[in-house]
Amino acid sequence: EVASPEVTSPQPPAFDDEMLELINEYFYGVRIFPGQDPGMVYVGWVTTQYHLHTDDFSQDCVRSVTVQKLDNYGGIAESVDRQSCYLMRVDEMYAEVSNDPSGKPPSTGLFVGCFVDVATGVVSFTCEGKESNKVQDGARNKALPNSFLKASSKMLCNLS
């Protein structure tokens, strides 16, 4: 007698549409290898409104606006700051979290974590596992991971 093959139902998807709507926190990390100057590396998030029209990035390229809602008496009822991008220079982050007054990065390189919660608009960063900067009312809808760097060694960085 020939046994019929066992029929199994396909596995349900790991994340259904309802569950995906509940996910609003995103992370990516950047490992900067030894030899790469962290002063030439910016990491963070850009919005769909960000456009770079030059070969060099600086904080002067960031467009920002403050939207204020006034009450009936002309006072500020609500105020929200928006930017086209939320990028931090890695050497400044390291200087903030390290106790080294020289600000020189460790010989093993650096790891920077970039977080965004699109539901609350909180953008935050870690450097070497220590919380660095946090921006309230940041990117609320579309935040895209981004890094700008100028090479100062053959081994630059690893995005994960």
Protein backbone atom coordinates (compact mmCIF):
# COMPACT_ATOMS: atom_id res chain seq x y z
CA GLU A 1 0.00 0.00 0.00
CA VAL A 2 1.38 3.41 -1.01
CA ALA A 3 1.27 6.10 1.65
CA SER A 4 0.03 9.44 0.48
CA PRO A 5 2.30 12.40 1.21
CA GLU A 6 1.35 14.43 4.22
CA VAL A 7 -0.19 17.75 3.27
CA THR A 8 0.82 20.66 5.47
CA SER A 9 -0.59 24.12 5.35
CA PRO A 10 1.86 26.90 4.59
CA GLN A 11 3.26 28.80 7.57
CA PRO A 12 1.51 32.08 8.25
CA PRO A 13 3.63 35.14 7.54
CA ALA A 14 5.79 36.27 10.46
CA PHE A 15 4.18 39.72 10.36
CA ASP A 16 0.66 40.30 9.13
CA ASP A 17 -0.63 43.71 7.99
CA GLU A 18 -2.11 44.58 11.39
CA MET A 19 1.14 43.79 13.16
CA LEU A 20 3.18 45.83 10.68
CA GLU A 21 1.02 48.87 11.46
CA LEU A 22 2.06 48.57 15.11
CA ILE A 23 5.79 48.66 14.31
CA ASN A 24 6.96 52.24 14.49
CA GLU A 25 10.49 52.05 15.90
CA TYR A 26 13.45 51.61 13.57
CA PHE A 27 17.19 51.20 14.11
CA TYR A 28 20.36 50.94 12.12
CA GLY A 29 23.97 50.91 13.20
CA VAL A 30 27.21 52.14 11.71
CA ARG A 31 30.59 50.66 12.62
CA ILE A 32 33.35 53.12 11.78
CA PHE A 33 36.62 51.31 11.26
CA PRO A 34 39.96 52.46 12.69
CA GLY A 35 41.66 54.96 10.42
CA GLN A 36 38.44 56.61 9.26
CA ASP A 37 38.20 60.14 10.67
CA PRO A 38 34.89 60.29 12.62
CA GLY A 39 34.81 64.05 12.01
CA MET A 40 34.11 63.24 8.37
CA VAL A 41 31.13 60.96 9.12
CA TYR A 42 27.51 62.07 9.62
CA VAL A 43 24.85 59.50 10.52
CA GLY A 44 21.13 59.73 11.13
CA TRP A 45 17.85 60.06 9.30
CA VAL A 46 16.58 62.15 6.40
CA THR A 47 13.01 62.93 5.43
CA THR A 48 11.59 62.80 1.93
CA GLN A 49 12.00 66.59 1.86
CA TYR A 50 15.78 66.41 2.09
CA HIS A 51 17.75 67.16 -1.10
CA LEU A 52 21.51 67.65 -1.26
CA HIS A 53 22.76 69.83 -4.10
CA THR A 54 26.45 69.82 -3.24
CA ASP A 55 29.27 67.32 -2.83
CA ASP A 56 29.91 68.29 0.79
CA PHE A 57 27.47 67.89 3.66
CA SER A 58 27.39 70.26 6.61
CA GLN A 59 24.77 71.22 9.18
CA ASP A 60 24.28 74.41 7.13
CA CYS A 61 22.56 72.21 4.51
CA VAL A 62 19.76 71.33 6.93
CA ARG A 63 16.47 73.10 6.32
CA SER A 64 14.39 73.65 9.45
CA VAL A 65 11.11 75.32 10.31
CA THR A 66 9.12 76.03 13.45
CA VAL A 67 5.34 75.79 13.11
CA GLN A 68 3.38 77.55 15.82
CA LYS A 69 -0.33 77.44 16.52
CA LEU A 70 -1.60 80.57 18.23
CA ASP A 71 -4.44 80.80 20.71
CA ASN A 72 -7.23 83.41 20.54
CA TYR A 73 -5.06 85.97 22.35
CA GLY A 74 -2.01 85.66 20.08
CA GLY A 75 -0.06 83.47 22.49
CA ILE A 76 1.64 80.27 21.39
CA ALA A 77 -0.65 77.28 21.98
CA GLU A 78 1.54 74.68 20.25
CA SER A 79 4.97 74.73 18.68
CA VAL A 80 6.61 72.06 16.55
CA ASP A 81 10.11 72.08 15.05
CA ARG A 82 10.72 70.22 11.79
CA GLN A 83 13.92 69.55 9.88
CA SER A 84 14.69 67.99 6.53
CA CYS A 85 17.21 65.70 8.20
CA TYR A 86 18.45 64.63 11.62
CA LEU A 87 22.15 63.91 11.22
CA MET A 88 24.92 64.00 13.80
CA ARG A 89 28.68 64.19 13.32
CA VAL A 90 30.25 61.10 14.87
CA ASP A 91 33.26 62.81 16.49
CA GLU A 92 30.91 65.20 18.32
CA MET A 93 28.84 62.27 19.59
CA TYR A 94 31.94 60.46 20.80
CA ALA A 95 33.24 63.56 22.59
CA GLU A 96 29.87 63.85 24.35
CA VAL A 97 29.83 60.27 25.67
CA SER A 98 33.54 59.69 26.37
CA ASN A 99 35.56 60.91 29.30
CA ASP A 100 38.58 61.41 27.06
CA PRO A 101 39.30 65.15 26.81
CA SER A 102 41.27 64.64 23.58
CA GLY A 103 38.14 63.25 21.87
CA LYS A 104 40.28 60.78 19.90
CA PRO A 105 38.31 57.68 18.95
CA PRO A 106 39.40 54.29 20.29
CA SER A 107 41.86 52.29 18.20
CA THR A 108 39.19 49.64 17.66
CA GLY A 109 36.84 52.05 15.85
CA LEU A 110 33.40 53.28 16.86
CA PHE A 111 29.84 51.98 16.75
CA VAL A 112 26.94 54.44 16.42
CA GLY A 113 23.28 53.47 16.76
CA CYS A 114 20.53 55.51 15.11
CA PHE A 115 16.94 55.17 16.35
CA VAL A 116 13.66 56.71 15.21
CA ASP A 117 10.14 56.28 16.53
CA VAL A 118 7.86 57.56 13.78
CA ALA A 119 4.80 57.47 16.06
CA THR A 120 6.24 59.94 18.57
CA GLY A 121 8.79 61.69 16.36
CA VAL A 122 11.69 60.90 18.70
CA VAL A 123 15.07 60.58 16.99
CA SER A 124 17.92 59.35 19.19
CA PHE A 125 21.51 58.21 18.89
CA THR A 126 23.95 56.06 20.82
CA CYS A 127 27.72 56.08 20.55
CA GLU A 128 29.69 53.15 21.92
CA GLY A 129 26.52 51.95 23.66
CA LYS A 130 25.91 55.22 25.54
CA GLU A 131 22.96 57.48 24.76
CA SER A 132 24.11 60.60 23.00
CA ASN A 133 21.49 62.91 21.52
CA LYS A 134 17.72 62.83 21.49
CA VAL A 135 15.46 65.04 19.40
CA GLN A 136 11.78 65.37 20.27
CA ASP A 137 9.23 66.07 17.53
CA GLY A 138 11.60 64.81 14.88
CA ALA A 139 10.67 62.74 11.85
CA ARG A 140 7.08 61.58 12.25
CA ASN A 141 6.30 59.93 8.96
CA LYS A 142 8.95 58.90 6.51
CA ALA A 143 12.43 58.71 7.96
CA LEU A 144 15.10 57.14 5.81
CA PRO A 145 18.46 55.96 7.18
CA ASN A 146 21.35 57.99 5.82
CA SER A 147 25.09 58.45 6.23
CA PHE A 148 27.44 60.96 4.65
CA LEU A 149 31.17 60.48 4.81
CA LYS A 150 34.42 61.47 3.20
CA ALA A 151 36.95 58.69 3.01
CA SER A 152 40.09 59.08 5.09
CA SER A 153 41.14 55.40 4.89
CA LYS A 154 40.60 52.34 2.72
CA MET A 155 38.29 50.71 5.27
CA LEU A 156 35.47 53.19 5.93
CA CYS A 157 32.47 51.77 7.74
CA ASN A 158 29.88 49.01 7.90
CA LEU A 159 26.15 49.74 7.88
CA SER A 160 23.88 47.20 9.54
